[in-house]
C-alpha atoms as a PDB file:
ATOM      1  CA  MET A   1      -0.008  10.501  24.110  1.00  0.00           C
ATOM      2  CA  LYS A   2       1.728   9.093  21.800  1.00  0.00           C
ATOM      3  CA  GLN A   3       2.965  10.350  18.014  1.00  0.00           C
ATOM      4  CA  VAL A   4       2.921   9.145  14.730  1.00  0.00           C
ATOM      5  CA  VAL A   5       3.211  10.846  11.553  1.00  0.00           C
ATOM      6  CA  SER A   6       3.217   9.541   7.885  1.00  0.00           C
ATOM      7  CA  ILE A   7       5.640  12.001   6.055  1.00  0.00           C
ATOM      8  CA  SER A   8       4.823  11.474   2.185  1.00  0.00           C
ATOM      9  CA  LEU A   9       5.615  12.273  -1.128  1.00  0.00           C
ATOM     10  CA  GLY A  10       2.177  12.471  -1.905  1.00  0.00           C
ATOM     11  CA  SER A  11      -0.516  15.191  -2.345  1.00  0.00           C
ATOM     12  CA  SER A  12      -1.391  17.488   0.535  1.00  0.00           C
ATOM     13  CA  LYS A  13      -4.505  17.239  -0.421  1.00  0.00           C
ATOM     14  CA  ARG A  14      -4.970  13.664   1.230  1.00  0.00           C
ATOM     15  CA  ASP A  15      -4.168  15.215   5.003  1.00  0.00           C
ATOM     16  CA  HIS A  16      -5.423  14.314   7.917  1.00  0.00           C
ATOM     17  CA  ALA A  17      -5.498  13.624  11.346  1.00  0.00           C
ATOM     18  CA  ALA A  18      -7.023  11.433  14.262  1.00  0.00           C
ATOM     19  CA  GLU A  19      -6.685   9.923  17.646  1.00  0.00           C
ATOM     20  CA  VAL A  20      -6.525   6.494  17.728  1.00  0.00           C
ATOM     21  CA  ASN A  21      -7.034   4.285  21.007  1.00  0.00           C
ATOM     22  CA  LEU A  22      -5.260   0.500  21.314  1.00  0.00           C
ATOM     23  CA  MET A  23      -5.986  -1.548  23.983  1.00  0.00           C
ATOM     24  CA  GLY A  24      -6.016   1.681  26.613  1.00  0.00           C
ATOM     25  CA  LYS A  25      -3.070   3.610  24.857  1.00  0.00           C
ATOM     26  CA  SER A  26      -4.025   6.377  22.874  1.00  0.00           C
ATOM     27  CA  PHE A  27      -2.257   7.642  19.459  1.00  0.00           C
ATOM     28  CA  LEU A  28      -1.939  10.886  17.567  1.00  0.00           C
ATOM     29  CA  VAL A  29      -2.070  10.156  13.881  1.00  0.00           C
ATOM     30  CA  LYS A  30      -1.184  12.238  11.516  1.00  0.00           C
ATOM     31  CA  ARG A  31      -0.612  11.830   7.420  1.00  0.00           C
ATOM     32  CA  ILE A  32       1.561  14.961   6.278  1.00  0.00           C
ATOM     33  CA  GLY A  33       1.896  15.501   2.426  1.00  0.00           C
ATOM     34  CA  THR A  34       5.126  17.189   0.571  1.00  0.00           C
ATOM     35  CA  ASP A  35       3.334  17.105  -3.079  1.00  0.00           C
ATOM     36  CA  GLY A  36       6.373  15.662  -3.959  1.00  0.00           C
ATOM     37  CA  ASP A  37       8.928  17.252  -2.405  1.00  0.00           C
ATOM     38  CA  MET A  38      11.842  15.353  -1.686  1.00  0.00           C
ATOM     39  CA  LYS A  39      14.386  17.590   0.245  1.00  0.00           C
ATOM     40  CA  LYS A  40      10.531  18.943   2.228  1.00  0.00           C
ATOM     41  CA  MET A  41      10.347  15.701   3.859  1.00  0.00           C
ATOM     42  CA  ILE A  42      13.899  15.040   4.599  1.00  0.00           C
ATOM     43  CA  ARG A  43      13.850  18.583   6.281  1.00  0.00           C
ATOM     44  CA  PHE A  44      10.506  17.590   8.204  1.00  0.00           C
ATOM     45  CA  ILE A  45      11.737  13.937   9.208  1.00  0.00           C
ATOM     46  CA  ARG A  46      14.777  15.629  10.868  1.00  0.00           C
ATOM     47  CA  GLU A  47      13.609  18.399  12.162  1.00  0.00           C
ATOM     48  CA  ASN A  48      11.180  15.637  14.284  1.00  0.00           C
ATOM     49  CA  ASP A  49      13.528  12.678  14.848  1.00  0.00           C
ATOM     50  CA  GLY A  50      13.278  12.259  18.524  1.00  0.00           C
ATOM     51  CA  LYS A  51      10.094  14.382  18.904  1.00  0.00           C
ATOM     52  CA  VAL A  52       7.419  11.580  17.560  1.00  0.00           C
ATOM     53  CA  ASP A  53       7.604   7.890  18.644  1.00  0.00           C
ATOM     54  CA  ALA A  54       7.426   6.489  14.708  1.00  0.00           C
ATOM     55  CA  PHE A  55       7.580   7.692  10.992  1.00  0.00           C
ATOM     56  CA  GLY A  56       5.180   6.536   8.352  1.00  0.00           C
ATOM     57  CA  LEU A  57       7.630   6.913   5.139  1.00  0.00           C
ATOM     58  CA  GLY A  58       4.732   7.403   2.783  1.00  0.00           C
ATOM     59  CA  GLY A  59       4.007   7.400  -0.717  1.00  0.00           C
ATOM     60  CA  MET A  60       7.451   5.933  -1.874  1.00  0.00           C
ATOM     61  CA  ASP A  61       8.589   2.168  -0.825  1.00  0.00           C
ATOM     62  CA  LEU A  62      12.214   1.667   1.090  1.00  0.00           C
ATOM     63  CA  TYR A  63      12.364  -2.339  -0.515  1.00  0.00           C
ATOM     64  CA  ILE A  64      10.008  -3.739  -3.117  1.00  0.00           C
ATOM     65  CA  GLN A  65       9.980  -7.733  -2.963  1.00  0.00           C
ATOM     66  CA  ALA A  66      10.171 -10.011  -5.508  1.00  0.00           C
ATOM     67  CA  VAL A  67       8.923 -13.301  -3.870  1.00  0.00           C
ATOM     68  CA  ASN A  68      12.616 -14.492  -2.282  1.00  0.00           C
ATOM     69  CA  ARG A  69      14.358 -11.326  -3.363  1.00  0.00           C
ATOM     70  CA  ARG A  70      13.918  -7.871  -1.551  1.00  0.00           C
ATOM     71  CA  TYR A  71      15.443  -4.979  -2.875  1.00  0.00           C
ATOM     72  CA  THR A  72      15.862  -0.920  -1.666  1.00  0.00           C
ATOM     73  CA  LEU A  73      15.300   1.693  -3.093  1.00  0.00           C
ATOM     74  CA  ARG A  74      17.997   4.295  -3.605  1.00  0.00           C
ATOM     75  CA  GLU A  75      16.186   7.876  -3.693  1.00  0.00           C
ATOM     76  CA  ALA A  76      14.508   5.811   0.491  1.00  0.00           C
ATOM     77  CA  VAL A  77      17.677   5.329   1.241  1.00  0.00           C
ATOM     78  CA  LYS A  78      17.871   9.080   1.401  1.00  0.00           C
ATOM     79  CA  VAL A  79      15.125   9.930   3.209  1.00  0.00           C
ATOM     80  CA  ALA A  80      15.012   7.314   5.623  1.00  0.00           C
ATOM     81  CA  LYS A  81      18.560   8.373   7.086  1.00  0.00           C
ATOM     82  CA  ALA A  82      17.510  11.381   8.145  1.00  0.00           C
ATOM     83  CA  ALA A  83      15.410   9.736  10.997  1.00  0.00           C
ATOM     84  CA  ARG A  84      18.685   8.395  13.213  1.00  0.00           C
ATOM     85  CA  ILE A  85      16.609   8.206  16.447  1.00  0.00           C
ATOM     86  CA  THR A  86      12.546   7.269  15.542  1.00  0.00           C
ATOM     87  CA  PRO A  87      12.005   4.643  14.112  1.00  0.00           C
ATOM     88  CA  ILE A  88      10.544   4.658  10.175  1.00  0.00           C
ATOM     89  CA  LEU A  89       8.574   1.955   8.547  1.00  0.00           C
ATOM     90  CA  ASP A  90       7.721   1.908   4.862  1.00  0.00           C
ATOM     91  CA  GLY A  91       4.961  -0.345   5.641  1.00  0.00           C
ATOM     92  CA  SER A  92       6.306  -2.965   4.091  1.00  0.00           C
ATOM     93  CA  GLY A  93       6.487  -5.477   6.945  1.00  0.00           C
ATOM     94  CA  LEU A  94       2.782  -5.157   7.420  1.00  0.00           C
ATOM     95  CA  LYS A  95       2.012  -5.279   3.856  1.00  0.00           C
ATOM     96  CA  ASN A  96       3.696  -9.084   4.024  1.00  0.00           C
ATOM     97  CA  THR A  97       1.399  -9.916   6.718  1.00  0.00           C
ATOM     98  CA  LEU A  98      -1.694  -8.370   7.039  1.00  0.00           C
ATOM     99  CA  GLU A  99      -2.446  -8.210   3.371  1.00  0.00           C
ATOM    100  CA  ARG A 100      -1.904 -12.035   3.236  1.00  0.00           C
ATOM    101  CA  ARG A 101      -4.005 -11.885   6.690  1.00  0.00           C
ATOM    102  CA  VAL A 102      -6.793 -10.356   4.704  1.00  0.00           C
ATOM    103  CA  ILE A 103      -7.418 -12.730   2.027  1.00  0.00           C
ATOM    104  CA  ASP A 104      -7.237 -15.814   4.276  1.00  0.00           C
ATOM    105  CA  PHE A 105     -10.428 -13.418   5.683  1.00  0.00           C
ATOM    106  CA  LEU A 106     -12.334 -13.270   2.710  1.00  0.00           C
ATOM    107  CA  SER A 107     -11.578 -17.135   1.710  1.00  0.00           C
ATOM    108  CA  LYS A 108     -12.985 -18.567   4.818  1.00  0.00           C
ATOM    109  CA  GLU A 109     -15.681 -15.761   5.586  1.00  0.00           C
ATOM    110  CA  THR A 110     -16.839 -14.656   2.704  1.00  0.00           C
ATOM    111  CA  ASP A 111     -18.042 -15.773  -0.990  1.00  0.00           C
ATOM    112  CA  ILE A 112     -15.420 -13.149  -2.426  1.00  0.00           C
ATOM    113  CA  LEU A 113     -13.220 -14.996  -3.845  1.00  0.00           C
ATOM    114  CA  SER A 114     -15.184 -18.307  -4.581  1.00  0.00           C
ATOM    115  CA  GLY A 115     -14.759 -19.366  -8.378  1.00  0.00           C
ATOM    116  CA  LYS A 116     -12.140 -18.963 -10.077  1.00  0.00           C
ATOM    117  CA  LYS A 117     -11.738 -14.560 -10.353  1.00  0.00           C
ATOM    118  CA  LYS A 118      -9.464 -13.382 -12.203  1.00  0.00           C
ATOM    119  CA  ALA A 119      -7.089 -11.181 -10.289  1.00  0.00           C
ATOM    120  CA  LEU A 120      -4.787  -8.284 -11.904  1.00  0.00           C
ATOM    121  CA  VAL A 121      -2.474  -7.417  -9.086  1.00  0.00           C
ATOM    122  CA  VAL A 122      -1.372  -3.881 -10.390  1.00  0.00           C
ATOM    123  CA  SER A 123       2.093  -4.570  -8.611  1.00  0.00           C
ATOM    124  CA  ALA A 124       3.148  -7.190  -7.364  1.00  0.00           C
ATOM    125  CA  MET A 125       7.003  -6.318  -6.255  1.00  0.00           C
ATOM    126  CA  ASP A 126       5.092  -3.500  -3.831  1.00  0.00           C
ATOM    127  CA  ARG A 127       2.710  -6.008  -2.803  1.00  0.00           C
ATOM    128  CA  PHE A 128       3.896  -9.590  -3.053  1.00  0.00           C
ATOM    129  CA  GLY A 129       1.695 -11.058   0.181  1.00  0.00           C
ATOM    130  CA  LEU A 130      -1.207  -9.990  -1.908  1.00  0.00           C
ATOM    131  CA  ALA A 131      -0.173 -11.299  -4.952  1.00  0.00           C
ATOM    132  CA  GLU A 132       1.003 -14.797  -3.631  1.00  0.00           C
ATOM    133  CA  SER A 133      -2.215 -15.000  -1.475  1.00  0.00           C
ATOM    134  CA  LEU A 134      -4.181 -14.525  -4.009  1.00  0.00           C
ATOM    135  CA  GLU A 135      -2.559 -16.397  -6.355  1.00  0.00           C
ATOM    136  CA  LEU A 136      -3.086 -19.545  -3.174  1.00  0.00           C
ATOM    137  CA  ALA A 137      -6.538 -18.753  -3.070  1.00  0.00           C
ATOM    138  CA  GLY A 138      -7.376 -19.752  -6.348  1.00  0.00           C
ATOM    139  CA  CYS A 139      -7.614 -16.423  -8.054  1.00  0.00           C
ATOM    140  CA  ASP A 140      -6.539 -16.350 -12.147  1.00  0.00           C
ATOM    141  CA  MET A 141      -3.419 -13.870 -11.688  1.00  0.00           C
ATOM    142  CA  SER A 142      -2.108 -11.163 -14.002  1.00  0.00           C
ATOM    143  CA  TYR A 143       0.437  -9.237 -12.955  1.00  0.00           C
ATOM    144  CA  GLY A 144       1.086  -5.656 -13.754  1.00  0.00           C
ATOM    145  CA  ASP A 145       4.772  -4.509 -12.933  1.00  0.00           C
ATOM    146  CA  LEU A 146       5.867  -4.120 -16.415  1.00  0.00           C
ATOM    147  CA  VAL A 147       2.884  -2.484 -17.082  1.00  0.00           C
ATOM    148  CA  PHE A 148       2.201  -0.092 -14.907  1.00  0.00           C
ATOM    149  CA  VAL A 149       5.602   0.553 -13.799  1.00  0.00           C
ATOM    150  CA  LEU A 150       7.517   0.522 -16.912  1.00  0.00           C
ATOM    151  CA  ASN A 151       4.387   1.128 -19.662  1.00  0.00           C
ATOM    152  CA  LEU A 152       5.626  -2.129 -21.228  1.00  0.00           C
ATOM    153  CA  PRO A 153       2.405  -4.252 -22.843  1.00  0.00           C
ATOM    154  CA  PHE A 154       3.425  -7.316 -21.015  1.00  0.00           C
ATOM    155  CA  PRO A 155       1.266  -8.528 -17.902  1.00  0.00           C
ATOM    156  CA  LEU A 156       2.563 -11.626 -15.897  1.00  0.00           C
ATOM    157  CA  LYS A 157       1.144 -14.845 -15.295  1.00  0.00           C
ATOM    158  CA  SER A 158       3.349 -15.853 -12.672  1.00  0.00           C
ATOM    159  CA  LEU A 159       5.404 -15.546  -9.474  1.00  0.00           C
ATOM    160  CA  ASP A 160       8.564 -17.585 -10.649  1.00  0.00           C
ATOM    161  CA  THR A 161       8.252 -14.963 -14.461  1.00  0.00           C
ATOM    162  CA  LEU A 162       8.421 -12.116 -11.956  1.00  0.00           C
ATOM    163  CA  ALA A 163      11.324 -12.832  -9.501  1.00  0.00           C
ATOM    164  CA  PHE A 164      13.463 -13.729 -13.004  1.00  0.00           C
ATOM    165  CA  ILE A 165      12.782 -10.408 -14.800  1.00  0.00           C
ATOM    166  CA  ALA A 166      12.597  -9.037 -11.251  1.00  0.00           C
ATOM    167  CA  ARG A 167      16.679 -10.253 -10.666  1.00  0.00           C
ATOM    168  CA  ILE A 168      17.452  -8.854 -14.481  1.00  0.00           C
ATOM    169  CA  ILE A 169      16.025  -5.430 -14.066  1.00  0.00           C
ATOM    170  CA  VAL A 170      15.666  -4.364 -10.263  1.00  0.00           C
ATOM    171  CA  PRO A 171      19.446  -3.773  -9.632  1.00  0.00           C
ATOM    172  CA  VAL A 172      19.123  -0.693 -12.467  1.00  0.00           C
ATOM    173  CA  VAL A 173      15.144   0.132 -11.760  1.00  0.00           C
ATOM    174  CA  ARG A 174      16.431   1.153  -7.677  1.00  0.00           C
ATOM    175  CA  LEU A 175      18.252   3.635  -9.158  1.00  0.00           C
ATOM    176  CA  LEU A 176      15.810   5.567 -10.726  1.00  0.00           C
ATOM    177  CA  PRO A 177      13.997   8.614  -9.684  1.00  0.00           C
ATOM    178  CA  PHE A 178      11.527   7.219  -7.586  1.00  0.00           C
ATOM    179  CA  SER A 179       8.768   9.850  -9.065  1.00  0.00           C
ATOM    180  CA  MET A 180       9.747   7.763 -12.749  1.00  0.00           C
ATOM    181  CA  LEU A 181       8.339   4.168 -10.984  1.00  0.00           C
ATOM    182  CA  TYR A 182       5.437   5.483  -9.163  1.00  0.00           C
ATOM    183  CA  PRO A 183       2.845   8.430  -8.805  1.00  0.00           C
ATOM    184  CA  THR A 184       3.913  11.197  -7.009  1.00  0.00           C
ATOM    185  CA  GLY A 185       2.722  14.871  -5.892  1.00  0.00           C
ATOM    186  CA  LYS A 186      -0.008  16.095  -7.788  1.00  0.00           C
ATOM    187  CA  GLN A 187      -0.191  13.084 -10.063  1.00  0.00           C
ATOM    188  CA  GLN A 188      -1.549  11.153  -6.838  1.00  0.00           C
ATOM    189  CA  GLU A 189      -5.215  13.610  -7.880  1.00  0.00           C
ATOM    190  CA  SER A 190      -5.386  12.894 -11.194  1.00  0.00           C
ATOM    191  CA  SER A 191      -6.044   9.901 -13.697  1.00  0.00           C
ATOM    192  CA  LYS A 192      -3.785   8.932 -17.121  1.00  0.00           C
ATOM    193  CA  PRO A 193      -5.790   5.412 -18.071  1.00  0.00           C
ATOM    194  CA  ARG A 194      -2.689   3.323 -19.262  1.00  0.00           C
ATOM    195  CA  TYR A 195      -4.378  -0.177 -21.043  1.00  0.00           C
ATOM    196  CA  SER A 196      -7.459  -0.028 -19.191  1.00  0.00           C
ATOM    197  CA  ARG A 197      -8.398  -3.716 -20.866  1.00  0.00           C
ATOM    198  CA  TYR A 198      -6.509  -4.999 -18.267  1.00  0.00           C
ATOM    199  CA  PHE A 199      -8.677  -3.323 -15.441  1.00  0.00           C
ATOM    200  CA  LEU A 200     -11.977  -4.711 -17.666  1.00  0.00           C
ATOM    201  CA  ASP A 201     -10.582  -7.959 -18.004  1.00  0.00           C
ATOM    202  CA  ALA A 202     -10.390  -7.895 -14.395  1.00  0.00           C
ATOM    203  CA  ASP A 203     -12.779  -9.682 -12.006  1.00  0.00           C
ATOM    204  CA  ILE A 204     -10.802  -8.452  -9.045  1.00  0.00           C
ATOM    205  CA  ILE A 205      -7.597  -5.143  -8.530  1.00  0.00           C
ATOM    206  CA  ALA A 206      -5.913  -5.135  -6.458  1.00  0.00           C
ATOM    207  CA  GLY A 207      -2.948  -2.973  -5.180  1.00  0.00           C
ATOM    208  CA  ASP A 208      -1.835  -0.120  -4.291  1.00  0.00           C
ATOM    209  CA  PHE A 209      -4.844   2.906  -4.923  1.00  0.00           C
ATOM    210  CA  HIS A 210      -2.281   5.843  -6.106  1.00  0.00           C
ATOM    211  CA  PHE A 211      -1.674   2.619  -8.910  1.00  0.00           C
ATOM    212  CA  ILE A 212      -4.824   1.977  -9.409  1.00  0.00           C
ATOM    213  CA  ARG A 213      -6.330   5.423  -8.946  1.00  0.00           C
ATOM    214  CA  ARG A 214      -4.063   6.544 -11.635  1.00  0.00           C
ATOM    215  CA  TYR A 215      -3.989   4.048 -14.713  1.00  0.00           C
ATOM    216  CA  MET A 216      -7.829   3.126 -13.979  1.00  0.00           C
ATOM    217  CA  PRO A 217     -10.321   3.749 -17.123  1.00  0.00           C
ATOM    218  CA  GLU A 218     -13.233   6.075 -16.916  1.00  0.00           C
ATOM    219  CA  LYS A 219     -15.314   2.894 -16.133  1.00  0.00           C
ATOM    220  CA  LEU A 220     -14.713   0.016 -14.013  1.00  0.00           C
ATOM    221  CA  PRO A 221     -18.999  -1.928 -14.272  1.00  0.00           C
ATOM    222  CA  GLY A 222     -18.772  -4.722 -11.328  1.00  0.00           C
ATOM    223  CA  LYS A 223     -15.383  -4.803 -10.223  1.00  0.00           C
ATOM    224  CA  ILE A 224     -13.851  -5.421  -6.851  1.00  0.00           C
ATOM    225  CA  ILE A 225     -11.193  -3.581  -5.116  1.00  0.00           C
ATOM    226  CA  ILE A 226      -9.159  -4.300  -2.784  1.00  0.00           C
ATOM    227  CA  THR A 227      -6.525  -1.998  -1.891  1.00  0.00           C
ATOM    228  CA  ASN A 228      -5.917   0.402   0.852  1.00  0.00           C
ATOM    229  CA  THR A 229      -5.937   4.433   2.092  1.00  0.00           C
ATOM    230  CA  VAL A 230      -9.079   5.649   0.509  1.00  0.00           C
ATOM    231  CA  THR A 231     -10.291   9.083   1.275  1.00  0.00           C
ATOM    232  CA  SER A 232     -14.715   9.791   1.376  1.00  0.00           C
ATOM    233  CA  ASP A 233     -14.106  11.278  -1.441  1.00  0.00           C
ATOM    234  CA  ASP A 234     -12.067   7.969  -3.084  1.00  0.00           C
ATOM    235  CA  ILE A 235     -15.264   5.980  -2.289  1.00  0.00           C
ATOM    236  CA  ASP A 236     -17.709   8.037  -4.343  1.00  0.00           C
ATOM    237  CA  MET A 237     -15.469   7.760  -7.402  1.00  0.00           C
ATOM    238  CA  LEU A 238     -15.482   4.681  -7.128  1.00  0.00           C
ATOM    239  CA  ARG A 239     -19.109   4.930  -6.623  1.00  0.00           C
ATOM    240  CA  GLU A 240     -19.849   6.224 -10.044  1.00  0.00           C
ATOM    241  CA  LYS A 241     -17.769   3.671 -12.183  1.00  0.00           C
ATOM    242  CA  GLY A 242     -19.405   1.346 -10.940  1.00  0.00           C
ATOM    243  CA  VAL A 243     -16.859  -0.512  -8.766  1.00  0.00           C
ATOM    244  CA  LYS A 244     -19.321  -3.227  -6.801  1.00  0.00           C
ATOM    245  CA  LYS A 245     -17.136  -3.980  -3.814  1.00  0.00           C
ATOM    246  CA  LEU A 246     -14.366  -1.905  -2.513  1.00  0.00           C
ATOM    247  CA  ILE A 247     -12.055  -3.961   0.532  1.00  0.00           C
ATOM    248  CA  THR A 248      -9.701  -2.289   2.258  1.00  0.00           C
ATOM    249  CA  THR A 249      -6.504  -4.206   4.241  1.00  0.00           C
ATOM    250  CA  THR A 250      -6.185  -1.245   6.918  1.00  0.00           C
ATOM    251  CA  PRO A 251      -9.225  -0.595   8.826  1.00  0.00           C
ATOM    252  CA  GLU A 252     -11.767   2.479   9.321  1.00  0.00           C
ATOM    253  CA  ILE A 253     -10.360   5.643  11.252  1.00  0.00           C
ATOM    254  CA  GLU A 254     -12.094   8.345  10.911  1.00  0.00           C
ATOM    255  CA  GLY A 255     -13.868   7.609   7.667  1.00  0.00           C
ATOM    256  CA  ARG A 256     -11.182   6.303   6.042  1.00  0.00           C
ATOM    257  CA  SER A 257      -8.227   4.042   5.862  1.00  0.00           C
ATOM    258  CA  PHE A 258      -4.580   5.175   6.491  1.00  0.00           C
ATOM    259  CA  GLY A 259      -1.708   3.994   4.804  1.00  0.00           C
ATOM    260  CA  THR A 260       0.077   0.346   5.629  1.00  0.00           C
ATOM    261  CA  ASN A 261       3.721   2.816   6.124  1.00  0.00           C
ATOM    262  CA  VAL A 262       0.849   4.468   8.957  1.00  0.00           C
ATOM    263  CA  MET A 263      -0.926   1.074  10.385  1.00  0.00           C
ATOM    264  CA  GLU A 264       3.416  -0.301  11.319  1.00  0.00           C
ATOM    265  CA  ALA A 265       4.717   2.338  12.576  1.00  0.00           C
ATOM    266  CA  LEU A 266       1.165   2.862  14.792  1.00  0.00           C
ATOM    267  CA  LEU A 267       2.235  -1.066  15.962  1.00  0.00           C
ATOM    268  CA  VAL A 268       5.987  -0.792  16.465  1.00  0.00           C
ATOM    269  CA  ALA A 269       5.039   2.948  18.412  1.00  0.00           C
ATOM    270  CA  TYR A 270       2.305   0.520  20.530  1.00  0.00           C
ATOM    271  CA  SER A 271       5.138  -2.062  20.359  1.00  0.00           C
ATOM    272  CA  GLY A 272       7.852   0.351  21.715  1.00  0.00           C
ATOM    273  CA  ASN A 273      10.133  -1.125  19.721  1.00  0.00           C
ATOM    274  CA  LYS A 274      12.614   1.468  18.190  1.00  0.00           C
ATOM    275  CA  GLY A 275      12.792  -0.366  14.739  1.00  0.00           C
ATOM    276  CA  GLU A 276      10.845  -3.254  12.370  1.00  0.00           C
ATOM    277  CA  LEU A 277       8.819  -5.582  14.028  1.00  0.00           C
ATOM    278  CA  GLN A 278       9.658  -9.682  12.785  1.00  0.00           C
ATOM    279  CA  PRO A 279       6.931 -11.093  10.988  1.00  0.00           C
ATOM    280  CA  GLU A 280       5.582 -13.349  13.871  1.00  0.00           C
ATOM    281  CA  GLU A 281       5.045 -10.054  15.848  1.00  0.00           C
ATOM    282  CA  TYR A 282       3.558  -8.099  13.732  1.00  0.00           C
ATOM    283  CA  GLN A 283       0.808 -11.140  13.324  1.00  0.00           C
ATOM    284  CA  PHE A 284       0.796 -11.223  17.477  1.00  0.00           C
ATOM    285  CA  LEU A 285      -0.178  -7.522  17.498  1.00  0.00           C
ATOM    286  CA  LEU A 286      -2.686  -7.589  14.646  1.00  0.00           C
ATOM    287  CA  GLU A 287      -4.528 -10.671  16.246  1.00  0.00           C
ATOM    288  CA  GLU A 288      -4.727  -9.274  20.235  1.00  0.00           C
ATOM    289  CA  LEU A 289      -6.064  -5.923  18.060  1.00  0.00           C
ATOM    290  CA  ASP A 290      -8.206  -7.749  15.601  1.00  0.00           C
ATOM    291  CA  PHE A 291      -7.770  -5.626  12.776  1.00  0.00           C
ATOM    292  CA  LYS A 292     -10.287  -6.846  10.017  1.00  0.00           C
ATOM    293  CA  PRO A 293     -10.446  -5.533   6.740  1.00  0.00           C
ATOM    294  CA  ARG A 294     -13.936  -3.005   6.170  1.00  0.00           C
ATOM    295  CA  ILE A 295     -16.343  -4.271   3.103  1.00  0.00           C
ATOM    296  CA  LEU A 296     -17.851  -1.697   1.214  1.00  0.00           C
ATOM    297  CA  ASP A 297     -20.633  -2.480  -1.321  1.00  0.00           C
ATOM    298  CA  LEU A 298     -20.933   0.682  -3.437  1.00  0.00           C
ATOM    299  CA  GLN A 299     -24.188  -0.363  -6.003  1.00  0.00           C
END
């Protein structure tokens, strides 16, 4: 049985393991959180390098995408370099293919995106494929990169503006400690509402769940959330907040959705490749395995 392990900078309370069967091939999939301890991540990767078939890099991104440019985060590179034999994937390749497919599916197979929906993507540089696809689907967009990453009350309305600002700030931001840019460790277990009006003004809230959970207001009545990596407890919490519909871009495995880093690592292990696949290869595998989003009515 092949093994896929996501080693995460996030909370160990979200750890999970499951057996997955893809087209007759069996995989043991694990998620291991280090509660914000980057040294522990590096040590685990070094100790298990060559012993598992693929690593997922969880709770942090190796790359961020700003329209036509991809930037590498310095701290993430240190972690990724600990793997010399086993491929390590952060999910960015899959985000740009799977999440586009999800929006296309919602547009063609449901009425969820019908009308001029207002959509907030909490960080478009983290989920560029999702952001661009929602914009192409006709949504009235807001991008929260400045709001939720840098704590500046300026939601962006254009991906071109985001690209322009990214060229100025990302060469500096990419050098910062990752904990300054993204909820890690115990930050993933609690909410700290920030600029609630941007959440409440949107019909659709999309993007990384840890960003959403960290900064969302006490109530989200009637909202649609498009995200991934939710547990059964997360679903109960969203239901209590009044969320109308939850869409997870990765499929359900034993009651929860795994992160895109896990699913990308799973696809790479399935393919037998020794590193990140090309977009057309991800697309082929997604079609072959018939991955579809999970859509839950919560009210």
